Amino acid sequence: MPEGAHSGQAPVLVELRSLLPADSPRFEIDPEHVSALAESEVEFPPILVHRPTMRVVDGMHRLRATMLRGRHTIAAQWFDGDEQTAFLLAVESNMRHGLPLSREERRRATLRILRSHPDWSDRSIAEMTGLNARSVGELRRRSAVAGSESLARIGRDGRVRPPSTTAGRFAAAEVIRQNPAASLRDIARQAGISVGTARDVRQRLASGLGPIPDRTRKGDPAGSALVGAGADRTDPGGVPDLAHRITIFDGLRRDPSIRLSESGRRVLHQLRTQLHSTEEWKRLAPAIPSHGRNAVADILSACAEDLIGMAQQLRRREESVAG
């Protein structure tokens, strides 16, 4: 059970009139199931209630059945986490027991989780919602959710991995550039790749080659776009600027002073969006008709000047603090 659920505490009796409907993946209550529950003689297990909002997290059918029985209270356990986690728990609870969710309900739940947790892997979300990983990946690609294509994915085992082998190889090359003496295990851990892949990247760099084999570029469309996006700008070690930016971004994501504050999370979200939009413009540019290129260029130049101005302000503030 997620953090915040008081599974070890004794249930409490809660007034039915004090409870609000669930923020649930389920579209509607099944009246026949409610009637069947009400007519049974079994005592229901406690429902789960989000204490800050008094919304039912799990147990709406039991709640309605209790009303039909003419009772005014129901046994409940508290959940004190945030509302996003409460929804995740509702999805998990509905998948674990009770009436199964329809495919459309599972699809809608998946889209919502993609919005709230874009860094979760397709398999992690699939395990929670009951869709297969391929369906989750298709929804991720088709949805217009900003930031759903995360720079890293958190798997079911809790490990952070890059979204593609290509991105992982670039990240490994950046680790090697910054710390040539790093062990293969350290490189693999920081880049989210296997030790074997880390060894291959190190050998390729030592031979004067790039970190990406040609066969990887051909077999990984996302990786090919990444290679193409950064191929014209490399540092002396042969590592594209994009990999360096991803490494810096991942460092910020691990900084508690940033990720644990509301303003810090907004900064991370904005940076993630900016990184993706920059690479997206490189892919879109060839499709812009000739008569519109100057107008698009003017807008992009103005935006770039704004960003440069903001970067200069941040550096001046840092210099004034250091001085």
C-alpha atoms as a PDB file:
ATOM      1  CA  MET A   1       0.000   0.000   0.000  1.00  0.00           C
ATOM      2  CA  PRO A   2       1.407   3.453  -0.879  1.00  0.00           C
ATOM      3  CA  GLU A   3       2.899   5.669   1.783  1.00  0.00           C
ATOM      4  CA  GLY A   4       0.168   7.475   3.691  1.00  0.00           C
ATOM      5  CA  ALA A   5      -2.234   4.535   3.900  1.00  0.00           C
ATOM      6  CA  HIS A   6      -2.770   3.485   7.488  1.00  0.00           C
ATOM      7  CA  SER A   7      -3.094  -0.225   6.790  1.00  0.00           C
ATOM      8  CA  GLY A   8      -1.799  -1.187  10.218  1.00  0.00           C
ATOM      9  CA  GLN A   9      -4.364   0.840  12.181  1.00  0.00           C
ATOM     10  CA  ALA A  10      -7.753  -0.367  13.321  1.00  0.00           C
ATOM     11  CA  PRO A  11     -10.663   0.797  11.119  1.00  0.00           C
ATOM     12  CA  VAL A  12     -12.776   3.714  12.323  1.00  0.00           C
ATOM     13  CA  LEU A  13     -16.517   4.289  11.919  1.00  0.00           C
ATOM     14  CA  VAL A  14     -17.249   7.218   9.614  1.00  0.00           C
ATOM     15  CA  GLU A  15     -20.593   8.957   9.035  1.00  0.00           C
ATOM     16  CA  LEU A  16     -21.847   8.249   5.519  1.00  0.00           C
ATOM     17  CA  ARG A  17     -23.009  11.827   5.082  1.00  0.00           C
ATOM     18  CA  SER A  18     -19.457  13.098   5.674  1.00  0.00           C
ATOM     19  CA  LEU A  19     -18.045  11.219   2.667  1.00  0.00           C
ATOM     20  CA  LEU A  20     -17.615  12.489  -0.892  1.00  0.00           C
ATOM     21  CA  PRO A  21     -17.719  10.401  -4.099  1.00  0.00           C
ATOM     22  CA  ALA A  22     -14.511   8.768  -5.206  1.00  0.00           C
ATOM     23  CA  ASP A  23     -12.012  10.298  -7.620  1.00  0.00           C
ATOM     24  CA  SER A  24     -12.019   6.935  -9.317  1.00  0.00           C
ATOM     25  CA  PRO A  25     -11.008   5.427 -12.651  1.00  0.00           C
ATOM     26  CA  ARG A  26     -14.496   3.897 -12.751  1.00  0.00           C
ATOM     27  CA  PHE A  27     -17.030   5.860 -14.827  1.00  0.00           C
ATOM     28  CA  GLU A  28     -20.173   4.774 -12.963  1.00  0.00           C
ATOM     29  CA  ILE A  29     -21.534   2.619 -10.175  1.00  0.00           C
ATOM     30  CA  ASP A  30     -23.095  -0.735 -11.139  1.00  0.00           C
ATOM     31  CA  PRO A  31     -26.581  -0.773  -9.477  1.00  0.00           C
ATOM     32  CA  GLU A  32     -26.931  -4.541  -9.817  1.00  0.00           C
ATOM     33  CA  HIS A  33     -23.640  -5.126  -8.028  1.00  0.00           C
ATOM     34  CA  VAL A  34     -24.685  -2.688  -5.289  1.00  0.00           C
ATOM     35  CA  SER A  35     -27.983  -4.561  -4.820  1.00  0.00           C
ATOM     36  CA  ALA A  36     -26.198  -7.914  -4.673  1.00  0.00           C
ATOM     37  CA  LEU A  37     -23.832  -6.601  -2.021  1.00  0.00           C
ATOM     38  CA  ALA A  38     -26.666  -5.094   0.020  1.00  0.00           C
ATOM     39  CA  GLU A  39     -28.637  -8.347  -0.021  1.00  0.00           C
ATOM     40  CA  SER A  40     -25.682 -10.428   1.094  1.00  0.00           C
ATOM     41  CA  GLU A  41     -25.116 -11.112   4.781  1.00  0.00           C
ATOM     42  CA  VAL A  42     -21.376 -10.553   4.766  1.00  0.00           C
ATOM     43  CA  GLU A  43     -19.699  -7.728   6.636  1.00  0.00           C
ATOM     44  CA  PHE A  44     -17.799  -5.558   4.197  1.00  0.00           C
ATOM     45  CA  PRO A  45     -14.084  -4.915   4.571  1.00  0.00           C
ATOM     46  CA  PRO A  46     -13.320  -1.272   5.451  1.00  0.00           C
ATOM     47  CA  ILE A  47     -13.429   1.247   2.641  1.00  0.00           C
ATOM     48  CA  LEU A  48     -10.425   3.511   2.077  1.00  0.00           C
ATOM     49  CA  VAL A  49     -10.920   7.266   2.525  1.00  0.00           C
ATOM     50  CA  HIS A  50      -8.629  10.159   1.612  1.00  0.00           C
ATOM     51  CA  ARG A  51      -8.719  11.984   4.945  1.00  0.00           C
ATOM     52  CA  PRO A  52      -7.737  15.498   3.683  1.00  0.00           C
ATOM     53  CA  THR A  53     -10.702  15.592   1.248  1.00  0.00           C
ATOM     54  CA  MET A  54     -12.972  12.867   2.722  1.00  0.00           C
ATOM     55  CA  ARG A  55     -13.247  11.343  -0.752  1.00  0.00           C
ATOM     56  CA  VAL A  56     -13.643   7.597  -1.029  1.00  0.00           C
ATOM     57  CA  VAL A  57     -10.515   6.077  -2.566  1.00  0.00           C
ATOM     58  CA  ASP A  58     -11.774   2.496  -2.693  1.00  0.00           C
ATOM     59  CA  GLY A  59     -15.193   1.114  -1.819  1.00  0.00           C
ATOM     60  CA  MET A  60     -17.968   3.102  -3.539  1.00  0.00           C
ATOM     61  CA  HIS A  61     -20.032  -0.032  -4.204  1.00  0.00           C
ATOM     62  CA  ARG A  62     -19.717  -1.012  -0.534  1.00  0.00           C
ATOM     63  CA  LEU A  63     -20.685   2.522   0.469  1.00  0.00           C
ATOM     64  CA  ARG A  64     -23.862   2.446  -1.654  1.00  0.00           C
ATOM     65  CA  ALA A  65     -24.719  -1.045  -0.400  1.00  0.00           C
ATOM     66  CA  THR A  66     -24.338   0.157   3.188  1.00  0.00           C
ATOM     67  CA  MET A  67     -26.802   2.964   2.428  1.00  0.00           C
ATOM     68  CA  LEU A  68     -29.289   0.421   1.052  1.00  0.00           C
ATOM     69  CA  ARG A  69     -28.972  -1.522   4.292  1.00  0.00           C
ATOM     70  CA  GLY A  70     -30.187   1.581   6.093  1.00  0.00           C
ATOM     71  CA  ARG A  71     -27.019   2.205   8.067  1.00  0.00           C
ATOM     72  CA  HIS A  72     -25.514   5.605   8.767  1.00  0.00           C
ATOM     73  CA  THR A  73     -21.873   4.706   9.384  1.00  0.00           C
ATOM     74  CA  ILE A  74     -19.279   2.552   7.664  1.00  0.00           C
ATOM     75  CA  ALA A  75     -15.903   1.125   8.658  1.00  0.00           C
ATOM     76  CA  ALA A  76     -13.047   2.947   6.981  1.00  0.00           C
ATOM     77  CA  GLN A  77      -9.296   3.250   6.944  1.00  0.00           C
ATOM     78  CA  TRP A  78      -7.561   6.568   6.334  1.00  0.00           C
ATOM     79  CA  PHE A  79      -5.204   7.549   3.543  1.00  0.00           C
ATOM     80  CA  ASP A  80      -3.195  10.741   4.160  1.00  0.00           C
ATOM     81  CA  GLY A  81      -1.178  11.014   0.932  1.00  0.00           C
ATOM     82  CA  ASP A  82      -1.692  13.558  -1.828  1.00  0.00           C
ATOM     83  CA  GLU A  83      -4.561  13.406  -4.334  1.00  0.00           C
ATOM     84  CA  GLN A  84      -2.410  12.086  -7.188  1.00  0.00           C
ATOM     85  CA  THR A  85      -1.283   9.164  -5.049  1.00  0.00           C
ATOM     86  CA  ALA A  86      -4.873   8.624  -3.932  1.00  0.00           C
ATOM     87  CA  PHE A  87      -5.901   8.185  -7.569  1.00  0.00           C
ATOM     88  CA  LEU A  88      -3.059   5.713  -8.152  1.00  0.00           C
ATOM     89  CA  LEU A  89      -4.232   3.752  -5.131  1.00  0.00           C
ATOM     90  CA  ALA A  90      -7.804   3.801  -6.456  1.00  0.00           C
ATOM     91  CA  VAL A  91      -6.623   2.345  -9.765  1.00  0.00           C
ATOM     92  CA  GLU A  92      -4.534  -0.279  -8.019  1.00  0.00           C
ATOM     93  CA  SER A  93      -7.389  -1.240  -5.686  1.00  0.00           C
ATOM     94  CA  ASN A  94      -9.913  -1.552  -8.515  1.00  0.00           C
ATOM     95  CA  MET A  95      -7.524  -3.761 -10.477  1.00  0.00           C
ATOM     96  CA  ARG A  96      -6.857  -5.975  -7.458  1.00  0.00           C
ATOM     97  CA  HIS A  97     -10.442  -6.773  -6.433  1.00  0.00           C
ATOM     98  CA  GLY A  98     -14.098  -5.992  -7.064  1.00  0.00           C
ATOM     99  CA  LEU A  99     -15.628  -5.400 -10.474  1.00  0.00           C
ATOM    100  CA  PRO A 100     -13.005  -5.279 -13.237  1.00  0.00           C
ATOM    101  CA  LEU A 101     -12.468  -1.957 -14.986  1.00  0.00           C
ATOM    102  CA  SER A 102     -13.540  -1.746 -18.618  1.00  0.00           C
ATOM    103  CA  ARG A 103     -10.874  -1.262 -21.275  1.00  0.00           C
ATOM    104  CA  GLU A 104     -11.950   2.362 -21.757  1.00  0.00           C
ATOM    105  CA  GLU A 105     -11.722   2.995 -18.009  1.00  0.00           C
ATOM    106  CA  ARG A 106      -8.222   1.497 -17.963  1.00  0.00           C
ATOM    107  CA  ARG A 107      -7.270   3.600 -20.993  1.00  0.00           C
ATOM    108  CA  ARG A 108      -8.484   6.821 -19.342  1.00  0.00           C
ATOM    109  CA  ALA A 109      -6.642   5.911 -16.142  1.00  0.00           C
ATOM    110  CA  THR A 110      -3.477   5.328 -18.163  1.00  0.00           C
ATOM    111  CA  LEU A 111      -3.722   8.761 -19.807  1.00  0.00           C
ATOM    112  CA  ARG A 112      -4.135  10.416 -16.431  1.00  0.00           C
ATOM    113  CA  ILE A 113      -1.116   8.594 -15.002  1.00  0.00           C
ATOM    114  CA  LEU A 114       0.929   9.619 -18.045  1.00  0.00           C
ATOM    115  CA  ARG A 115       0.087  13.243 -17.220  1.00  0.00           C
ATOM    116  CA  SER A 116       0.931  12.965 -13.528  1.00  0.00           C
ATOM    117  CA  HIS A 117       3.907  10.580 -13.802  1.00  0.00           C
ATOM    118  CA  PRO A 118       5.513  11.021 -17.255  1.00  0.00           C
ATOM    119  CA  ASP A 119       8.765   9.524 -15.985  1.00  0.00           C
ATOM    120  CA  TRP A 120       7.200   6.132 -15.195  1.00  0.00           C
ATOM    121  CA  SER A 121       8.041   3.347 -17.625  1.00  0.00           C
ATOM    122  CA  ASP A 122       5.389   1.852 -19.901  1.00  0.00           C
ATOM    123  CA  ARG A 123       5.657  -1.453 -18.029  1.00  0.00           C
ATOM    124  CA  SER A 124       5.155   0.189 -14.636  1.00  0.00           C
ATOM    125  CA  ILE A 125       1.973   1.918 -15.814  1.00  0.00           C
ATOM    126  CA  ALA A 126       0.783  -1.226 -17.607  1.00  0.00           C
ATOM    127  CA  GLU A 127       1.157  -3.261 -14.437  1.00  0.00           C
ATOM    128  CA  MET A 128      -0.970  -0.759 -12.533  1.00  0.00           C
ATOM    129  CA  THR A 129      -3.755  -0.231 -15.098  1.00  0.00           C
ATOM    130  CA  GLY A 130      -4.034  -3.672 -16.671  1.00  0.00           C
ATOM    131  CA  LEU A 131      -3.174  -2.555 -20.205  1.00  0.00           C
ATOM    132  CA  ASN A 132      -0.181  -4.117 -21.906  1.00  0.00           C
ATOM    133  CA  ALA A 133       3.043  -2.134 -22.174  1.00  0.00           C
ATOM    134  CA  ARG A 134       2.690  -1.741 -25.936  1.00  0.00           C
ATOM    135  CA  SER A 135      -0.737  -0.095 -25.522  1.00  0.00           C
ATOM    136  CA  VAL A 136       0.670   2.268 -22.885  1.00  0.00           C
ATOM    137  CA  GLY A 137       3.518   3.212 -25.227  1.00  0.00           C
ATOM    138  CA  GLU A 138       1.077   3.881 -28.046  1.00  0.00           C
ATOM    139  CA  LEU A 139      -1.052   6.105 -25.782  1.00  0.00           C
ATOM    140  CA  ARG A 140       2.097   7.965 -24.701  1.00  0.00           C
ATOM    141  CA  ARG A 141       3.053   8.649 -28.327  1.00  0.00           C
ATOM    142  CA  ARG A 142      -0.448   9.628 -29.447  1.00  0.00           C
ATOM    143  CA  SER A 143      -1.320  11.828 -26.492  1.00  0.00           C
ATOM    144  CA  ALA A 144      -0.601  15.543 -26.578  1.00  0.00           C
ATOM    145  CA  VAL A 145       0.470  15.535 -22.949  1.00  0.00           C
ATOM    146  CA  ALA A 146       3.313  17.956 -22.396  1.00  0.00           C
ATOM    147  CA  GLY A 147       6.320  16.222 -20.919  1.00  0.00           C
ATOM    148  CA  SER A 148       4.912  12.691 -21.245  1.00  0.00           C
ATOM    149  CA  GLU A 149       8.057  11.748 -23.167  1.00  0.00           C
ATOM    150  CA  SER A 150      10.363  11.936 -20.195  1.00  0.00           C
ATOM    151  CA  LEU A 151      14.138  12.161 -20.422  1.00  0.00           C
ATOM    152  CA  ALA A 152      14.283   9.128 -18.107  1.00  0.00           C
ATOM    153  CA  ARG A 153      11.892   6.379 -17.052  1.00  0.00           C
ATOM    154  CA  ILE A 154      11.370   4.813 -13.644  1.00  0.00           C
ATOM    155  CA  GLY A 155      10.862   1.051 -13.937  1.00  0.00           C
ATOM    156  CA  ARG A 156       8.948  -1.385 -11.764  1.00  0.00           C
ATOM    157  CA  ASP A 157      12.120  -2.049  -9.768  1.00  0.00           C
ATOM    158  CA  GLY A 158      12.467   1.668  -8.984  1.00  0.00           C
ATOM    159  CA  ARG A 159      15.568   2.132 -11.140  1.00  0.00           C
ATOM    160  CA  VAL A 160      15.831   5.178 -13.409  1.00  0.00           C
ATOM    161  CA  ARG A 161      16.571   4.352 -17.041  1.00  0.00           C
ATOM    162  CA  PRO A 162      16.876   6.418 -20.231  1.00  0.00           C
ATOM    163  CA  PRO A 163      13.943   6.059 -22.676  1.00  0.00           C
ATOM    164  CA  SER A 164      16.177   4.358 -25.273  1.00  0.00           C
ATOM    165  CA  THR A 165      19.486   2.504 -25.512  1.00  0.00           C
ATOM    166  CA  THR A 166      20.857   5.366 -27.590  1.00  0.00           C
ATOM    167  CA  ALA A 167      20.138   7.918 -24.860  1.00  0.00           C
ATOM    168  CA  GLY A 168      21.750   5.584 -22.334  1.00  0.00           C
ATOM    169  CA  ARG A 169      24.898   5.279 -24.442  1.00  0.00           C
ATOM    170  CA  PHE A 170      25.146   9.057 -24.753  1.00  0.00           C
ATOM    171  CA  ALA A 171      24.710   9.394 -20.985  1.00  0.00           C
ATOM    172  CA  ALA A 172      27.436   6.756 -20.423  1.00  0.00           C
ATOM    173  CA  ALA A 173      29.798   8.635 -22.738  1.00  0.00           C
ATOM    174  CA  GLU A 174      29.187  11.792 -20.726  1.00  0.00           C
ATOM    175  CA  VAL A 175      29.938   9.942 -17.465  1.00  0.00           C
ATOM    176  CA  ILE A 176      33.203   8.653 -18.953  1.00  0.00           C
ATOM    177  CA  ARG A 177      34.130  12.135 -20.194  1.00  0.00           C
ATOM    178  CA  GLN A 178      33.642  13.619 -16.739  1.00  0.00           C
ATOM    179  CA  ASN A 179      35.305  10.726 -14.877  1.00  0.00           C
ATOM    180  CA  PRO A 180      37.552   8.568 -17.098  1.00  0.00           C
ATOM    181  CA  ALA A 181      38.481   6.387 -14.105  1.00  0.00           C
ATOM    182  CA  ALA A 182      34.855   5.485 -13.262  1.00  0.00           C
ATOM    183  CA  SER A 183      34.219   1.762 -12.916  1.00  0.00           C
ATOM    184  CA  LEU A 184      31.945  -0.010 -15.381  1.00  0.00           C
ATOM    185  CA  ARG A 185      29.391  -0.561 -12.611  1.00  0.00           C
ATOM    186  CA  ASP A 186      29.329   3.147 -11.777  1.00  0.00           C
ATOM    187  CA  ILE A 187      28.964   4.079 -15.442  1.00  0.00           C
ATOM    188  CA  ALA A 188      26.138   1.573 -15.893  1.00  0.00           C
ATOM    189  CA  ARG A 189      24.360   2.751 -12.741  1.00  0.00           C
ATOM    190  CA  GLN A 190      24.545   6.447 -13.601  1.00  0.00           C
ATOM    191  CA  ALA A 191      23.533   5.950 -17.240  1.00  0.00           C
ATOM    192  CA  GLY A 192      20.840   3.349 -16.555  1.00  0.00           C
ATOM    193  CA  ILE A 193      22.373   0.725 -18.861  1.00  0.00           C
ATOM    194  CA  SER A 194      23.901  -2.734 -18.458  1.00  0.00           C
ATOM    195  CA  VAL A 195      27.542  -3.257 -17.520  1.00  0.00           C
ATOM    196  CA  GLY A 196      28.086  -4.896 -20.916  1.00  0.00           C
ATOM    197  CA  THR A 197      26.798  -1.809 -22.736  1.00  0.00           C
ATOM    198  CA  ALA A 198      28.956   0.431 -20.537  1.00  0.00           C
ATOM    199  CA  ARG A 199      32.001  -1.682 -21.451  1.00  0.00           C
ATOM    200  CA  ASP A 200      31.174  -1.388 -25.156  1.00  0.00           C
ATOM    201  CA  VAL A 201      30.808   2.410 -24.923  1.00  0.00           C
ATOM    202  CA  ARG A 202      34.169   2.711 -23.152  1.00  0.00           C
ATOM    203  CA  GLN A 203      35.903   0.526 -25.748  1.00  0.00           C
ATOM    204  CA  ARG A 204      34.381   2.500 -28.616  1.00  0.00           C
ATOM    205  CA  LEU A 205      35.461   5.833 -27.147  1.00  0.00           C
ATOM    206  CA  ALA A 206      38.981   4.466 -26.511  1.00  0.00           C
ATOM    207  CA  SER A 207      39.128   3.462 -30.188  1.00  0.00           C
ATOM    208  CA  GLY A 208      38.134   6.960 -31.292  1.00  0.00           C
ATOM    209  CA  LEU A 209      34.604   5.924 -32.278  1.00  0.00           C
ATOM    210  CA  GLY A 210      31.292   7.408 -31.195  1.00  0.00           C
ATOM    211  CA  PRO A 211      29.230   5.693 -28.483  1.00  0.00           C
ATOM    212  CA  ILE A 212      26.506   4.531 -30.904  1.00  0.00           C
ATOM    213  CA  PRO A 213      27.040   1.561 -33.250  1.00  0.00           C
ATOM    214  CA  ASP A 214      25.517   1.991 -36.714  1.00  0.00           C
ATOM    215  CA  ARG A 215      23.197  -0.971 -36.149  1.00  0.00           C
ATOM    216  CA  THR A 216      21.752   0.755 -33.077  1.00  0.00           C
ATOM    217  CA  ARG A 217      20.980   3.891 -35.063  1.00  0.00           C
ATOM    218  CA  LYS A 218      19.179   1.867 -37.729  1.00  0.00           C
ATOM    219  CA  GLY A 219      17.143  -0.163 -35.240  1.00  0.00           C
ATOM    220  CA  ASP A 220      16.157   2.647 -32.905  1.00  0.00           C
ATOM    221  CA  PRO A 221      14.060   5.383 -34.599  1.00  0.00           C
ATOM    222  CA  ALA A 222      13.985   7.472 -31.427  1.00  0.00           C
ATOM    223  CA  GLY A 223      17.716   7.067 -31.065  1.00  0.00           C
ATOM    224  CA  SER A 224      18.326   8.020 -34.681  1.00  0.00           C
ATOM    225  CA  ALA A 225      16.467  11.277 -34.085  1.00  0.00           C
ATOM    226  CA  LEU A 226      18.615  11.866 -31.011  1.00  0.00           C
ATOM    227  CA  VAL A 227      21.813  11.217 -32.926  1.00  0.00           C
ATOM    228  CA  GLY A 228      20.697  13.476 -35.760  1.00  0.00           C
ATOM    229  CA  ALA A 229      19.670  16.212 -33.388  1.00  0.00           C
ATOM    230  CA  GLY A 230      23.073  16.393 -31.741  1.00  0.00           C
ATOM    231  CA  ALA A 231      25.396  15.237 -34.480  1.00  0.00           C
ATOM    232  CA  ASP A 232      26.352  18.723 -35.624  1.00  0.00           C
ATOM    233  CA  ARG A 233      27.426  19.910 -32.187  1.00  0.00           C
ATOM    234  CA  THR A 234      29.948  17.795 -30.285  1.00  0.00           C
ATOM    235  CA  ASP A 235      32.571  18.549 -27.696  1.00  0.00           C
ATOM    236  CA  PRO A 236      36.213  17.434 -28.092  1.00  0.00           C
ATOM    237  CA  GLY A 237      35.326  14.048 -26.547  1.00  0.00           C
ATOM    238  CA  GLY A 238      32.771  13.351 -29.256  1.00  0.00           C
ATOM    239  CA  VAL A 239      29.755  13.603 -26.921  1.00  0.00           C
ATOM    240  CA  PRO A 240      26.777  15.562 -28.330  1.00  0.00           C
ATOM    241  CA  ASP A 241      25.622  18.607 -26.366  1.00  0.00           C
ATOM    242  CA  LEU A 242      22.227  16.977 -25.869  1.00  0.00           C
ATOM    243  CA  ALA A 243      23.721  14.192 -23.749  1.00  0.00           C
ATOM    244  CA  HIS A 244      25.477  16.799 -21.601  1.00  0.00           C
ATOM    245  CA  ARG A 245      22.202  18.693 -21.124  1.00  0.00           C
ATOM    246  CA  ILE A 246      20.402  15.496 -20.152  1.00  0.00           C
ATOM    247  CA  THR A 247      23.127  14.714 -17.610  1.00  0.00           C
ATOM    248  CA  ILE A 248      22.828  18.198 -16.084  1.00  0.00           C
ATOM    249  CA  PHE A 249      19.034  17.901 -16.012  1.00  0.00           C
ATOM    250  CA  ASP A 250      19.160  14.508 -14.282  1.00  0.00           C
ATOM    251  CA  GLY A 251      21.468  16.034 -11.663  1.00  0.00           C
ATOM    252  CA  LEU A 252      18.886  18.740 -10.982  1.00  0.00           C
ATOM    253  CA  ARG A 253      16.129  16.110 -10.748  1.00  0.00           C
ATOM    254  CA  ARG A 254      18.040  14.367  -7.956  1.00  0.00           C
ATOM    255  CA  ASP A 255      18.576  17.593  -5.964  1.00  0.00           C
ATOM    256  CA  PRO A 256      16.155  17.458  -2.971  1.00  0.00           C
ATOM    257  CA  SER A 257      16.088  21.259  -2.650  1.00  0.00           C
ATOM    258  CA  ILE A 258      14.626  21.416  -6.170  1.00  0.00           C
ATOM    259  CA  ARG A 259      12.438  18.330  -6.539  1.00  0.00           C
ATOM    260  CA  LEU A 260      10.814  18.611  -3.101  1.00  0.00           C
ATOM    261  CA  SER A 261       9.514  22.175  -3.524  1.00  0.00           C
ATOM    262  CA  GLU A 262       6.573  23.306  -5.655  1.00  0.00           C
ATOM    263  CA  SER A 263       8.620  25.989  -7.419  1.00  0.00           C
ATOM    264  CA  GLY A 264      11.454  23.520  -7.995  1.00  0.00           C
ATOM    265  CA  ARG A 265       9.111  21.003  -9.605  1.00  0.00           C
ATOM    266  CA  ARG A 266       7.838  23.747 -11.907  1.00  0.00           C
ATOM    267  CA  VAL A 267      11.414  24.557 -12.893  1.00  0.00           C
ATOM    268  CA  LEU A 268      12.059  20.894 -13.711  1.00  0.00           C
ATOM    269  CA  HIS A 269       8.856  20.658 -15.717  1.00  0.00           C
ATOM    270  CA  GLN A 270       9.745  23.787 -17.690  1.00  0.00           C
ATOM    271  CA  LEU A 271      13.280  22.547 -18.369  1.00  0.00           C
ATOM    272  CA  ARG A 272      11.994  19.153 -19.516  1.00  0.00           C
ATOM    273  CA  THR A 273       9.551  20.862 -21.858  1.00  0.00           C
ATOM    274  CA  GLN A 274      12.282  23.165 -23.167  1.00  0.00           C
ATOM    275  CA  LEU A 275      14.682  20.294 -23.881  1.00  0.00           C
ATOM    276  CA  HIS A 276      12.041  18.398 -25.814  1.00  0.00           C
ATOM    277  CA  SER A 277      10.735  21.421 -27.700  1.00  0.00           C
ATOM    278  CA  THR A 278      14.235  22.333 -28.892  1.00  0.00           C
ATOM    279  CA  GLU A 279      14.788  18.893 -30.388  1.00  0.00           C
ATOM    280  CA  GLU A 280      11.248  18.861 -31.775  1.00  0.00           C
ATOM    281  CA  TRP A 281      11.896  22.109 -33.675  1.00  0.00           C
ATOM    282  CA  LYS A 282      14.878  20.477 -35.364  1.00  0.00           C
ATOM    283  CA  ARG A 283      12.593  17.757 -36.662  1.00  0.00           C
ATOM    284  CA  LEU A 284       9.846  20.180 -37.681  1.00  0.00           C
ATOM    285  CA  ALA A 285      12.071  22.712 -39.442  1.00  0.00           C
ATOM    286  CA  PRO A 286      12.362  20.861 -42.791  1.00  0.00           C
ATOM    287  CA  ALA A 287       8.555  20.704 -43.068  1.00  0.00           C
ATOM    288  CA  ILE A 288       7.999  24.462 -42.723  1.00  0.00           C
ATOM    289  CA  PRO A 289       6.969  25.913 -46.127  1.00  0.00           C
ATOM    290  CA  SER A 290       9.378  28.421 -47.625  1.00  0.00           C
ATOM    291  CA  HIS A 291       6.983  31.366 -47.370  1.00  0.00           C
ATOM    292  CA  GLY A 292       6.655  30.862 -43.598  1.00  0.00           C
ATOM    293  CA  ARG A 293      10.268  30.245 -42.665  1.00  0.00           C
ATOM    294  CA  ASN A 294      11.210  33.875 -42.007  1.00  0.00           C
ATOM    295  CA  ALA A 295       8.185  34.402 -39.743  1.00  0.00           C
ATOM    296  CA  VAL A 296       8.922  31.234 -37.770  1.00  0.00           C
ATOM    297  CA  ALA A 297      12.602  32.217 -37.579  1.00  0.00           C
ATOM    298  CA  ASP A 298      11.682  35.668 -36.201  1.00  0.00           C
ATOM    299  CA  ILE A 299       9.543  34.127 -33.468  1.00  0.00           C
ATOM    300  CA  LEU A 300      12.183  31.551 -32.543  1.00  0.00           C
ATOM    301  CA  SER A 301      14.897  34.230 -32.496  1.00  0.00           C
ATOM    302  CA  ALA A 302      12.826  36.394 -30.156  1.00  0.00           C
ATOM    303  CA  CYS A 303      12.198  33.419 -27.858  1.00  0.00           C
ATOM    304  CA  ALA A 304      15.901  32.539 -27.933  1.00  0.00           C
ATOM    305  CA  GLU A 305      16.829  36.105 -26.976  1.00  0.00           C
ATOM    306  CA  ASP A 306      14.406  35.939 -24.035  1.00  0.00           C
ATOM    307  CA  LEU A 307      15.969  32.672 -22.870  1.00  0.00           C
ATOM    308  CA  ILE A 308      19.504  34.050 -23.241  1.00  0.00           C
ATOM    309  CA  GLY A 309      18.482  37.098 -21.223  1.00  0.00           C
ATOM    310  CA  MET A 310      17.081  34.883 -18.480  1.00  0.00           C
ATOM    311  CA  ALA A 311      20.270  32.767 -18.465  1.00  0.00           C
ATOM    312  CA  GLN A 312      22.378  35.912 -18.120  1.00  0.00           C
ATOM    313  CA  GLN A 313      20.223  37.107 -15.217  1.00  0.00           C
ATOM    314  CA  LEU A 314      20.687  33.779 -13.427  1.00  0.00           C
ATOM    315  CA  ARG A 315      24.469  33.918 -13.897  1.00  0.00           C
ATOM    316  CA  ARG A 316      24.617  37.536 -12.646  1.00  0.00           C
ATOM    317  CA  ARG A 317      22.657  36.554  -9.545  1.00  0.00           C
ATOM    318  CA  GLU A 318      25.033  33.656  -8.922  1.00  0.00           C
ATOM    319  CA  GLU A 319      28.050  35.943  -9.371  1.00  0.00           C
ATOM    320  CA  SER A 320      26.609  38.518  -6.963  1.00  0.00           C
ATOM    321  CA  VAL A 321      26.056  35.808  -4.334  1.00  0.00           C
ATOM    322  CA  ALA A 322      29.530  34.381  -4.862  1.00  0.00           C
ATOM    323  CA  GLY A 323      31.035  37.881  -4.694  1.00  0.00           C
END
